Amino acid sequence: MKYDLIIDSRPSEVVIALLRDGLLIELHKEKHDNNFSVGDIYLGKVRKTVPGLNASFVNTGYEKDGFLHYLDLGPQFNSFKKFTRKAIDKKLNTASLKNVKKEPNLEKEGKINNTLKGGDLILTQISKEPISTKGPRLTTEISLAGRYMVLLPFSDKVSISQKIGSSEEKTRLKKLIKSIKPHGFGVIIRTVAKDIKVAELDKDLKNLYKKWQQISKKLKNAKPATRIHGELNKSSVILRDLLSAKFNSIYVNNTELKSELKEYLSRIAPDQEKIVKLHKKDTPIFQEFNVTKQIKGAFGKNVTMKKGIYLVIEHTEALHVIDVNSGKKVDAKKDQEENALSVNLEAAEEVARQLRLRDMGGIIVVDFIDMKKEKNRKLLTEKMREAMSNDKAKHYILPPTKFGLVQITRQRVKPEMNIDTQEKCPMCSGNKQIDSSLLLVDQIENKLHSLNETTKGSIQISTHPFVASYINKKDSWFSSSICKNWSKKFGRKILVKGDDRLHLLQYSVIK
């Protein structure tokens, strides 16, 4: 598998597309003025505590107060609170925690109003971005993420990613980190640290400690509701979390952003600095790499897959619902159960991609095609779990119910990605909307796929003259038209003719 990062820098935002073997699997939008990203650290001021919720509302400068639950204070909260107060009062001359006396840990069953009161200044970190009418979700368990590890102030634990399977490697990393970590800090060792040399790990740890030093320094002159530390921009976060030998290239259409990414890569992976490339062509960068077309095809209510299978995705206030439809994918050599299994396994891959692509969170209910055999339902559950194994968001998948419903919970940390894929209708001066015209050729090709399995001989397609002209047109003197490519692909004569009685997105097939 090869990964490509396509970054489109626009006047008001940066849009980032992550492709796996050319297929769009993640899409991110980051506004230039976004100051409330996951990982950002603020000096918050407690507005009020709500005993009924066992939580407090904290002003971090956002229009809506942040929500801080008692359980998100963390066991070391008393030590954090004391450290923050001393730093603000300029009673600390160092960021070191070596000589800082730790306060007693917070009780798990404690009450918020016994711990915080209105007007308290606390160091908070955003764990969920503001969503809809809600302010950001906050935590006081501060963590600083690096390439190979996560640094945790006021903790002494060293834990290792469960995805590192080798017990010898786990022992090596644990001993190593314990010998080099600063006193008073805990460390979570990430999966990418596997087989990494001491020098690289030490360099990453020192960079994280420098961040902590900067936070401590900024606290001395900080005013309430100000940002103390900003997380990396979204493209750098993706590189930090996903960068590996599997990364093929990074294309960006902005010179400044290219320099930023190269500078970041020079620090975390100098040997991969050369994969950052500037897109100089006149063609829009997303169009050049087929991202625009994939967005149009993936974000509508109906998502079409190969051989006629399609998903219907709907959203309600409480949950997301996905319906799996077989369309015309029916193999006459298989019985109903085998056909249902085949469609469901194929749909599971697309469902997993859609959840990650749209960043759907909360409760998701997927209505797969009913299967009677227990072993087939088990196969579907395993396939769903395998397809979602690379999803960074925390999730849990339940086996199918007797009605064929698979229930999934998925962590939500930022607003869901919603994109309007409909266009203004050119036939009625834009008073109505139509489905994306970019997908029409794909729809016709899917129709040809199904006809190719059931019919023989030549096929004639009638469509709007504009569309017929586009399908029959050669791109250049050395390339064939779409129509000729279809004829080669399906091994039969295919004709496309214009019919001005048809709407722009209508077509008919004459066998």
Protein backbone atom coordinates (compact mmCIF):
# COMPACT_ATOMS: atom_id res chain seq x y z
CA MET A 1 0.00 0.00 0.00
CA LYS A 2 1.21 3.46 -0.93
CA TYR A 3 0.00 6.68 0.67
CA ASP A 4 -0.14 10.10 -1.00
CA LEU A 5 -1.00 13.39 0.68
CA ILE A 6 -2.60 16.04 -1.55
CA ILE A 7 -2.81 19.50 0.06
CA ASP A 8 -4.93 22.25 -1.47
CA SER A 9 -4.16 25.64 0.10
CA ARG A 10 -7.09 28.03 -0.38
CA PRO A 11 -7.56 31.69 0.71
CA SER A 12 -9.53 30.84 3.86
CA GLU A 13 -8.60 27.19 4.54
CA VAL A 14 -6.36 24.26 3.75
CA VAL A 15 -8.00 21.05 2.49
CA ILE A 16 -6.00 17.84 2.92
CA ALA A 17 -6.72 14.56 1.11
CA LEU A 18 -5.06 11.30 2.12
CA LEU A 19 -5.01 8.68 -0.65
CA ARG A 20 -4.24 4.99 -0.23
CA ASP A 21 -3.30 3.44 -3.56
CA GLY A 22 -5.11 6.34 -5.25
CA LEU A 23 -8.33 5.87 -3.21
CA LEU A 24 -9.48 8.73 -0.98
CA ILE A 25 -9.59 7.54 2.66
CA GLU A 26 -9.37 10.78 4.67
CA LEU A 27 -10.36 14.38 4.04
CA HIS A 28 -9.59 17.24 6.42
CA LYS A 29 -10.40 20.94 6.36
CA GLU A 30 -8.46 23.39 8.47
CA LYS A 31 -9.31 27.08 8.57
CA HIS A 32 -6.35 29.46 8.75
CA ASP A 33 -7.75 31.07 11.91
CA ASN A 34 -8.65 27.82 13.73
CA ASN A 35 -7.42 28.28 17.31
CA PHE A 36 -9.37 25.45 18.92
CA SER A 37 -7.85 22.24 17.56
CA VAL A 38 -7.47 18.98 19.47
CA GLY A 39 -4.22 19.19 21.47
CA ASP A 40 -4.20 22.99 21.94
CA ILE A 41 -3.45 24.06 25.51
CA TYR A 42 -5.19 27.05 27.15
CA LEU A 43 -5.07 28.83 30.48
CA GLY A 44 -8.74 28.48 31.36
CA LYS A 45 -10.80 30.33 33.92
CA VAL A 46 -13.58 28.41 35.67
CA ARG A 47 -16.94 30.12 35.11
CA LYS A 48 -19.02 27.84 37.29
CA THR A 49 -19.31 24.32 38.60
CA VAL A 50 -22.42 22.18 38.09
CA PRO A 51 -22.69 19.53 40.84
CA GLY A 52 -25.56 17.76 39.04
CA LEU A 53 -23.24 17.03 36.09
CA ASN A 54 -20.15 16.73 38.31
CA ALA A 55 -18.51 19.07 35.83
CA SER A 56 -17.49 22.69 35.33
CA PHE A 57 -17.70 25.19 32.49
CA VAL A 58 -14.40 26.87 31.65
CA ASN A 59 -13.72 30.00 29.61
CA THR A 60 -10.95 29.38 27.07
CA GLY A 61 -11.74 32.29 24.78
CA TYR A 62 -14.24 30.43 22.59
CA GLU A 63 -17.78 31.87 22.23
CA LYS A 64 -19.11 28.88 24.20
CA ASP A 65 -17.53 27.79 27.48
CA GLY A 66 -15.57 24.54 27.42
CA PHE A 67 -16.93 21.48 29.27
CA LEU A 68 -14.65 19.87 31.88
CA HIS A 69 -15.93 16.75 33.65
CA TYR A 70 -14.54 15.68 37.02
CA LEU A 71 -13.20 12.42 35.50
CA ASP A 72 -11.23 14.49 32.95
CA LEU A 73 -9.31 16.29 35.69
CA GLY A 74 -6.90 13.36 35.99
CA PRO A 75 -5.37 11.86 39.14
CA GLN A 76 -2.51 14.43 39.17
CA PHE A 77 -4.83 17.46 39.03
CA ASN A 78 -3.86 18.83 42.46
CA SER A 79 -0.19 18.89 41.43
CA PHE A 80 -1.05 20.53 38.10
CA LYS A 81 -3.17 23.19 39.81
CA LYS A 82 -0.43 24.05 42.28
CA PHE A 83 2.22 24.17 39.51
CA THR A 84 0.03 26.46 37.35
CA ARG A 85 -0.61 28.85 40.25
CA LYS A 86 3.10 29.06 41.11
CA ALA A 87 4.07 29.60 37.46
CA ILE A 88 1.53 32.44 37.08
CA ASP A 89 2.75 34.03 40.33
CA LYS A 90 6.35 33.75 39.03
CA LYS A 91 7.41 31.60 41.98
CA LEU A 92 8.96 28.95 39.70
CA ASN A 93 12.31 29.48 37.96
CA THR A 94 12.44 26.15 36.13
CA ALA A 95 10.19 23.78 34.19
CA SER A 96 11.79 20.79 35.87
CA LEU A 97 9.58 18.67 38.11
CA LYS A 98 12.51 17.06 39.92
CA ASN A 99 12.13 19.09 43.10
CA VAL A 100 8.38 19.72 42.84
CA LYS A 101 6.51 18.09 45.68
CA LYS A 102 3.58 16.08 44.36
CA GLU A 103 0.17 16.65 45.87
CA PRO A 104 -2.12 13.70 46.81
CA ASN A 105 -3.91 12.10 43.85
CA LEU A 106 -7.51 13.08 43.16
CA GLU A 107 -10.17 10.68 44.41
CA LYS A 108 -12.04 8.82 41.65
CA GLU A 109 -15.40 9.27 43.35
CA GLY A 110 -14.84 12.93 44.27
CA LYS A 111 -17.07 15.93 43.62
CA ILE A 112 -16.30 18.82 41.28
CA ASN A 113 -17.40 21.54 43.72
CA ASN A 114 -14.89 20.24 46.31
CA THR A 115 -12.09 20.56 43.75
CA LEU A 116 -12.86 23.68 41.69
CA LYS A 117 -14.67 26.94 42.23
CA GLY A 118 -15.57 29.90 40.01
CA GLY A 119 -12.56 32.08 39.17
CA ASP A 120 -9.93 29.31 39.45
CA LEU A 121 -7.20 29.39 36.78
CA ILE A 122 -6.33 25.95 35.38
CA LEU A 123 -4.21 24.61 32.53
CA THR A 124 -6.52 22.78 30.11
CA GLN A 125 -6.13 20.91 26.84
CA ILE A 126 -8.76 20.49 24.10
CA SER A 127 -9.79 16.83 23.75
CA LYS A 128 -12.75 17.49 21.39
CA GLU A 129 -13.20 20.43 19.07
CA PRO A 130 -16.31 22.64 19.33
CA ILE A 131 -19.20 20.81 17.64
CA SER A 132 -22.53 22.38 16.64
CA THR A 133 -23.78 24.45 19.60
CA LYS A 134 -21.31 22.94 22.06
CA GLY A 135 -18.02 24.45 23.18
CA PRO A 136 -14.79 22.42 23.26
CA ARG A 137 -14.45 19.36 25.51
CA LEU A 138 -11.53 19.87 27.90
CA THR A 139 -9.13 17.81 29.97
CA THR A 140 -6.46 18.76 32.49
CA GLU A 141 -4.50 15.55 31.83
CA ILE A 142 -1.97 17.39 29.64
CA SER A 143 -0.15 15.29 27.04
CA LEU A 144 2.46 16.39 24.48
CA ALA A 145 2.57 14.17 21.40
CA GLY A 146 5.76 13.59 19.42
CA ARG A 147 6.80 11.34 16.58
CA TYR A 148 7.71 8.32 18.72
CA MET A 149 6.18 9.04 22.12
CA VAL A 150 3.78 11.10 24.20
CA LEU A 151 5.07 13.03 27.24
CA LEU A 152 2.87 13.17 30.38
CA PRO A 153 3.81 15.71 33.08
CA PHE A 154 3.38 14.65 36.75
CA SER A 155 3.21 10.96 35.86
CA ASP A 156 5.91 8.30 36.31
CA LYS A 157 4.38 5.53 34.20
CA VAL A 158 6.05 4.22 31.04
CA SER A 159 3.54 2.38 28.85
CA ILE A 160 3.94 0.87 25.40
CA SER A 161 1.59 0.59 22.43
CA GLN A 162 -0.16 -2.78 22.36
CA LYS A 163 0.47 -2.96 18.61
CA ILE A 164 4.16 -3.66 19.30
CA GLY A 165 3.98 -7.46 19.50
CA SER A 166 7.59 -8.41 20.31
CA SER A 167 8.17 -8.81 24.07
CA GLU A 168 11.94 -8.28 23.53
CA GLU A 169 11.30 -4.96 21.78
CA LYS A 170 8.88 -3.89 24.52
CA THR A 171 11.50 -4.63 27.19
CA ARG A 172 14.20 -2.76 25.24
CA LEU A 173 12.02 0.34 24.77
CA LYS A 174 10.80 0.38 28.38
CA LYS A 175 14.33 0.14 29.84
CA LEU A 176 15.62 2.73 27.42
CA ILE A 177 12.90 5.31 28.04
CA LYS A 178 13.09 4.87 31.82
CA SER A 179 16.82 5.64 31.66
CA ILE A 180 16.48 8.87 29.61
CA LYS A 181 13.10 10.37 30.59
CA PRO A 182 13.13 13.47 32.84
CA HIS A 183 12.11 13.00 36.48
CA GLY A 184 8.42 13.57 37.17
CA PHE A 185 7.24 12.74 33.65
CA GLY A 186 5.48 9.69 32.25
CA VAL A 187 5.82 8.45 28.67
CA ILE A 188 3.57 6.54 26.26
CA ILE A 189 5.67 4.83 23.59
CA ARG A 190 3.96 4.86 20.18
CA THR A 191 3.87 2.01 17.64
CA VAL A 192 6.27 3.79 15.24
CA ALA A 193 9.03 3.65 17.92
CA LYS A 194 9.52 -0.05 17.14
CA ASP A 195 13.17 -0.75 16.19
CA ILE A 196 14.09 2.97 16.37
CA LYS A 197 17.60 3.75 17.61
CA VAL A 198 18.40 5.44 20.94
CA ALA A 199 19.57 8.71 19.35
CA GLU A 200 16.26 9.23 17.52
CA LEU A 201 14.18 8.46 20.61
CA ASP A 202 16.30 10.77 22.76
CA LYS A 203 15.98 13.58 20.20
CA ASP A 204 12.16 13.23 20.16
CA LEU A 205 12.02 13.22 23.97
CA LYS A 206 14.15 16.37 24.20
CA ASN A 207 11.89 18.15 21.68
CA LEU A 208 8.85 17.33 23.82
CA TYR A 209 10.59 18.52 26.97
CA LYS A 210 11.39 21.82 25.20
CA LYS A 211 7.66 22.23 24.53
CA TRP A 212 6.99 21.78 28.24
CA GLN A 213 9.64 24.41 29.02
CA GLN A 214 7.96 26.85 26.61
CA ILE A 215 4.57 26.20 28.24
CA SER A 216 6.02 26.90 31.70
CA LYS A 217 7.66 30.11 30.45
CA LYS A 218 4.45 31.39 28.79
CA LEU A 219 2.44 30.76 31.95
CA LYS A 220 4.40 33.49 33.78
CA ASN A 221 2.85 36.29 31.75
CA ALA A 222 -0.34 34.56 30.64
CA LYS A 223 -3.79 36.05 30.99
CA PRO A 224 -6.93 33.92 31.45
CA ALA A 225 -8.53 32.42 28.28
CA THR A 226 -5.32 32.62 26.20
CA ARG A 227 -3.64 29.88 24.20
CA ILE A 228 -0.43 28.67 25.81
CA HIS A 229 0.54 26.03 23.25
CA GLY A 230 -0.76 25.29 19.75
CA GLU A 231 -0.87 21.86 18.17
CA LEU A 232 0.82 21.34 14.79
CA ASN A 233 -1.15 22.17 11.64
CA LYS A 234 -3.29 19.29 10.37
CA SER A 235 -0.91 18.25 7.55
CA SER A 236 2.02 18.00 10.00
CA VAL A 237 -0.15 15.99 12.44
CA ILE A 238 -0.96 13.49 9.67
CA LEU A 239 2.74 13.20 8.85
CA ARG A 240 3.64 12.76 12.51
CA ASP A 241 1.04 10.00 13.03
CA LEU A 242 1.15 8.17 9.70
CA LEU A 243 4.52 8.85 8.05
CA SER A 244 6.35 5.67 7.12
CA ALA A 245 8.15 4.08 4.19
CA LYS A 246 4.68 3.56 2.69
CA PHE A 247 4.38 7.31 2.00
CA ASN A 248 4.95 7.83 -1.69
CA SER A 249 4.63 11.60 -2.15
CA ILE A 250 3.20 14.82 -0.75
CA TYR A 251 1.88 17.35 -3.26
CA VAL A 252 1.10 20.90 -2.22
CA ASN A 253 0.11 23.99 -4.25
CA ASN A 254 1.55 26.60 -1.89
CA THR A 255 5.26 27.49 -1.67
CA GLU A 256 5.16 28.56 2.00
CA LEU A 257 3.35 25.41 3.07
CA LYS A 258 5.83 23.31 1.10
CA SER A 259 8.71 24.97 3.01
CA GLU A 260 6.95 24.35 6.36
CA LEU A 261 6.43 20.65 5.58
CA LYS A 262 10.02 20.19 4.36
CA GLU A 263 11.31 21.89 7.51
CA TYR A 264 9.12 19.60 9.69
CA LEU A 265 10.24 16.49 7.80
CA SER A 266 13.90 17.55 8.14
CA ARG A 267 13.39 17.23 11.92
CA ILE A 268 11.39 13.97 12.11
CA ALA A 269 12.49 12.07 8.98
CA PRO A 270 15.27 13.80 6.98
CA ASP A 271 15.48 10.95 4.44
CA GLN A 272 11.88 11.62 3.35
CA GLU A 273 12.20 15.37 2.86
CA LYS A 274 12.41 14.83 -0.91
CA ILE A 275 8.86 13.43 -1.17
CA VAL A 276 7.37 16.94 -0.74
CA LYS A 277 6.63 18.33 -4.21
CA LEU A 278 5.14 21.61 -5.44
CA HIS A 279 2.19 21.38 -7.84
CA LYS A 280 2.85 23.94 -10.60
CA LYS A 281 0.31 22.99 -13.28
CA ASP A 282 -2.66 25.20 -14.22
CA THR A 283 -5.05 22.31 -13.51
CA PRO A 284 -6.40 22.54 -9.92
CA ILE A 285 -4.44 20.17 -7.67
CA PHE A 286 -7.49 18.14 -6.55
CA GLN A 287 -8.64 17.74 -10.15
CA GLU A 288 -5.15 16.65 -11.25
CA PHE A 289 -5.11 13.79 -8.74
CA ASN A 290 -8.78 12.78 -9.20
CA VAL A 291 -9.69 13.94 -5.69
CA THR A 292 -12.59 16.22 -6.72
CA LYS A 293 -14.36 13.39 -8.50
CA GLN A 294 -13.87 11.03 -5.54
CA ILE A 295 -15.28 13.65 -3.15
CA LYS A 296 -18.38 14.07 -5.35
CA GLY A 297 -18.85 10.29 -5.42
CA ALA A 298 -18.22 9.66 -1.72
CA PHE A 299 -20.11 12.40 0.12
CA GLY A 300 -23.61 12.17 -1.32
CA LYS A 301 -26.59 10.45 0.27
CA ASN A 302 -26.12 7.52 -2.13
CA VAL A 303 -22.64 6.04 -2.49
CA THR A 304 -22.24 3.74 -5.49
CA MET A 305 -19.73 0.90 -5.55
CA LYS A 306 -18.66 -1.55 -8.24
CA LYS A 307 -21.18 -3.78 -9.99
CA GLY A 308 -24.20 -1.83 -8.79
CA ILE A 309 -23.81 -2.20 -5.00
CA TYR A 310 -24.64 1.05 -3.23
CA LEU A 311 -24.99 2.52 0.25
CA VAL A 312 -27.64 4.96 1.46
CA ILE A 313 -26.30 7.15 4.29
CA GLU A 314 -28.62 9.22 6.47
CA HIS A 315 -28.04 11.28 9.59
CA THR A 316 -30.33 11.96 12.52
CA GLU A 317 -29.78 13.89 15.74
CA ALA A 318 -29.22 10.66 17.68
CA LEU A 319 -27.34 8.42 15.25
CA HIS A 320 -26.16 7.67 11.70
CA VAL A 321 -27.88 5.01 9.60
CA ILE A 322 -26.29 3.19 6.64
CA ASP A 323 -28.35 0.89 4.41
CA VAL A 324 -26.58 -1.68 2.20
CA ASN A 325 -28.22 -2.48 -1.16
CA SER A 326 -27.12 -5.16 -3.61
CA GLY A 327 -28.39 -3.25 -6.67
CA LYS A 328 -27.96 -5.61 -9.62
CA LYS A 329 -25.06 -7.65 -8.25
CA VAL A 330 -26.56 -11.13 -8.41
CA ASP A 331 -24.55 -14.19 -9.41
CA ALA A 332 -26.86 -16.81 -10.90
CA LYS A 333 -24.38 -19.54 -9.86
CA LYS A 334 -24.76 -18.67 -6.18
CA ASP A 335 -27.75 -19.00 -3.87
CA GLN A 336 -29.30 -16.10 -1.95
CA GLU A 337 -27.12 -16.62 1.15
CA GLU A 338 -23.87 -16.64 -0.86
CA ASN A 339 -24.91 -13.52 -2.79
CA ALA A 340 -25.78 -11.72 0.46
CA LEU A 341 -22.40 -12.64 2.00
CA SER A 342 -20.52 -11.47 -1.10
CA VAL A 343 -22.33 -8.09 -1.12
CA ASN A 344 -21.95 -7.60 2.64
CA LEU A 345 -18.20 -8.30 2.67
CA GLU A 346 -17.68 -5.83 -0.18
CA ALA A 347 -19.89 -3.24 1.52
CA ALA A 348 -18.03 -3.60 4.85
CA GLU A 349 -14.85 -2.18 3.25
CA GLU A 350 -16.74 0.85 1.94
CA VAL A 351 -18.59 1.41 5.23
CA ALA A 352 -15.23 1.50 7.08
CA ARG A 353 -13.88 3.97 4.52
CA GLN A 354 -16.97 6.18 4.79
CA LEU A 355 -16.76 6.35 8.59
CA ARG A 356 -13.14 7.46 8.41
CA LEU A 357 -13.65 9.75 5.41
CA ARG A 358 -16.63 11.63 6.85
CA ASP A 359 -15.28 11.27 10.40
CA MET A 360 -18.68 10.02 11.55
CA GLY A 361 -18.89 9.63 15.32
CA GLY A 362 -21.33 8.53 18.00
CA ILE A 363 -23.69 5.65 17.23
CA ILE A 364 -23.74 4.17 13.69
CA VAL A 365 -26.24 1.48 12.67
CA VAL A 366 -25.51 -0.46 9.45
CA ASP A 367 -28.34 -2.44 7.87
CA PHE A 368 -26.55 -5.23 5.99
CA ILE A 369 -28.43 -7.75 3.85
CA ASP A 370 -29.93 -10.51 6.04
CA MET A 371 -27.94 -13.74 6.36
CA LYS A 372 -29.31 -16.86 8.05
CA LYS A 373 -26.08 -18.74 8.75
CA GLU A 374 -24.18 -17.92 11.95
CA LYS A 375 -20.78 -18.56 10.33
CA ASN A 376 -21.52 -15.94 7.66
CA ARG A 377 -22.52 -13.38 10.28
CA LYS A 378 -19.25 -14.12 12.08
CA LEU A 379 -17.32 -13.63 8.83
CA LEU A 380 -18.99 -10.24 8.37
CA THR A 381 -18.05 -9.13 11.92
CA GLU A 382 -14.42 -10.17 11.35
CA LYS A 383 -14.34 -8.35 8.01
CA MET A 384 -15.79 -5.17 9.57
CA ARG A 385 -13.19 -5.25 12.36
CA GLU A 386 -10.37 -5.88 9.90
CA ALA A 387 -11.54 -3.01 7.65
CA MET A 388 -11.62 -0.62 10.63
CA SER A 389 -8.32 -1.81 12.15
CA ASN A 390 -6.41 1.17 10.68
CA ASP A 391 -8.93 3.71 11.98
CA LYS A 392 -7.21 5.91 14.58
CA ALA A 393 -10.50 6.87 16.26
CA LYS A 394 -11.56 4.63 19.15
CA HIS A 395 -14.41 2.36 18.05
CA TYR A 396 -16.36 -0.73 19.06
CA ILE A 397 -18.26 -3.11 16.75
CA LEU A 398 -21.08 -5.41 17.85
CA PRO A 399 -21.93 -8.63 15.93
CA PRO A 400 -24.98 -8.49 13.61
CA THR A 401 -28.39 -8.85 15.26
CA LYS A 402 -30.89 -11.38 13.94
CA PHE A 403 -32.24 -8.55 11.75
CA GLY A 404 -28.82 -8.01 10.11
CA LEU A 405 -28.06 -4.75 11.94
CA VAL A 406 -24.45 -4.03 12.93
CA GLN A 407 -24.05 -1.42 15.66
CA ILE A 408 -20.85 0.63 15.84
CA THR A 409 -19.73 3.32 18.25
CA ARG A 410 -16.93 5.60 17.06
CA GLN A 411 -15.15 8.38 18.89
CA ARG A 412 -16.04 11.89 17.78
CA VAL A 413 -13.33 14.54 18.35
CA LYS A 414 -14.25 17.13 15.71
CA PRO A 415 -17.27 18.11 13.60
CA GLU A 416 -18.35 15.55 11.01
CA MET A 417 -17.22 16.30 7.44
CA ASN A 418 -20.29 17.18 5.35
CA ILE A 419 -19.97 18.28 1.72
CA ASP A 420 -22.85 19.26 -0.57
CA THR A 421 -22.37 17.25 -3.76
CA GLN A 422 -25.40 18.61 -5.62
CA GLU A 423 -25.14 21.25 -8.37
CA LYS A 424 -27.40 23.97 -9.69
CA CYS A 425 -29.57 22.72 -12.53
CA PRO A 426 -28.52 24.38 -15.84
CA MET A 427 -31.94 23.69 -17.39
CA CYS A 428 -33.96 25.85 -15.00
CA SER A 429 -31.63 28.78 -14.34
CA GLY A 430 -30.39 27.21 -11.14
CA ASN A 431 -33.75 27.08 -9.33
CA LYS A 432 -33.41 23.35 -8.58
CA GLN A 433 -30.52 21.02 -7.78
CA ILE A 434 -29.25 17.92 -9.55
CA ASP A 435 -26.80 15.17 -8.64
CA SER A 436 -23.16 15.84 -9.45
CA SER A 437 -22.58 15.80 -13.23
CA LEU A 438 -19.04 14.50 -12.62
CA LEU A 439 -20.50 11.10 -11.74
CA LEU A 440 -22.68 10.57 -14.84
CA VAL A 441 -19.95 8.85 -16.89
CA ASP A 442 -19.29 6.50 -13.95
CA GLN A 443 -23.01 5.69 -13.76
CA ILE A 444 -23.08 4.80 -17.46
CA GLU A 445 -19.97 2.64 -17.07
CA ASN A 446 -21.53 0.79 -14.11
CA LYS A 447 -24.58 0.14 -16.30
CA LEU A 448 -22.31 -1.28 -19.02
CA HIS A 449 -20.69 -3.56 -16.40
CA SER A 450 -24.04 -5.11 -15.50
CA LEU A 451 -25.12 -5.41 -19.16
CA ASN A 452 -21.82 -7.04 -20.08
CA GLU A 453 -22.62 -9.95 -17.71
CA THR A 454 -26.13 -10.54 -19.04
CA THR A 455 -26.17 -9.58 -22.74
CA LYS A 456 -24.16 -10.01 -25.93
CA GLY A 457 -23.66 -7.92 -29.08
CA SER A 458 -23.28 -4.18 -29.60
CA ILE A 459 -24.76 -1.57 -27.25
CA GLN A 460 -26.06 1.87 -28.19
CA ILE A 461 -26.41 4.62 -25.59
CA SER A 462 -28.49 7.75 -26.10
CA THR A 463 -27.72 10.78 -23.92
CA HIS A 464 -27.81 14.57 -24.03
CA PRO A 465 -25.77 15.93 -27.01
CA PHE A 466 -23.33 17.73 -24.67
CA VAL A 467 -22.60 14.49 -22.81
CA ALA A 468 -22.37 12.46 -26.03
CA SER A 469 -19.85 14.97 -27.39
CA TYR A 470 -17.74 14.66 -24.23
CA ILE A 471 -17.78 10.82 -24.30
CA ASN A 472 -16.89 10.65 -28.01
CA LYS A 473 -14.21 13.35 -27.89
CA LYS A 474 -10.52 12.41 -28.02
CA ASP A 475 -8.40 14.12 -25.37
CA SER A 476 -5.46 14.45 -27.77
CA TRP A 477 -4.10 12.99 -31.02
CA PHE A 478 -2.51 10.00 -29.20
CA SER A 479 -5.32 9.09 -26.76
CA SER A 480 -8.65 7.36 -27.38
CA SER A 481 -12.10 8.67 -26.48
CA ILE A 482 -14.01 7.34 -23.46
CA CYS A 483 -16.33 5.48 -25.84
CA LYS A 484 -13.45 3.66 -27.60
CA ASN A 485 -11.92 2.77 -24.25
CA TRP A 486 -15.25 1.22 -23.23
CA SER A 487 -15.34 -0.84 -26.44
CA LYS A 488 -11.85 -2.21 -25.68
CA LYS A 489 -12.64 -2.83 -22.02
CA PHE A 490 -15.86 -4.77 -22.63
CA GLY A 491 -14.81 -6.39 -25.91
CA ARG A 492 -17.88 -5.28 -27.87
CA LYS A 493 -19.00 -2.41 -30.05
CA ILE A 494 -20.37 0.53 -28.05
CA LEU A 495 -21.96 3.58 -29.67
CA VAL A 496 -22.90 6.83 -27.94
CA LYS A 497 -25.34 9.16 -29.74
CA GLY A 498 -26.83 12.50 -28.80
CA ASP A 499 -30.58 12.93 -28.24
CA ASP A 500 -31.77 16.47 -27.47
CA ARG A 501 -35.00 15.15 -25.94
CA LEU A 502 -33.04 13.91 -22.94
CA HIS A 503 -32.17 15.97 -19.85
CA LEU A 504 -28.49 16.72 -19.19
CA LEU A 505 -28.17 13.81 -16.75
CA GLN A 506 -30.51 11.37 -18.50
CA TYR A 507 -29.44 8.47 -20.68
CA SER A 508 -31.02 5.38 -22.19
CA VAL A 509 -29.49 2.10 -23.37
CA ILE A 510 -30.52 0.27 -26.54
CA LYS A 511 -29.25 -3.32 -26.54
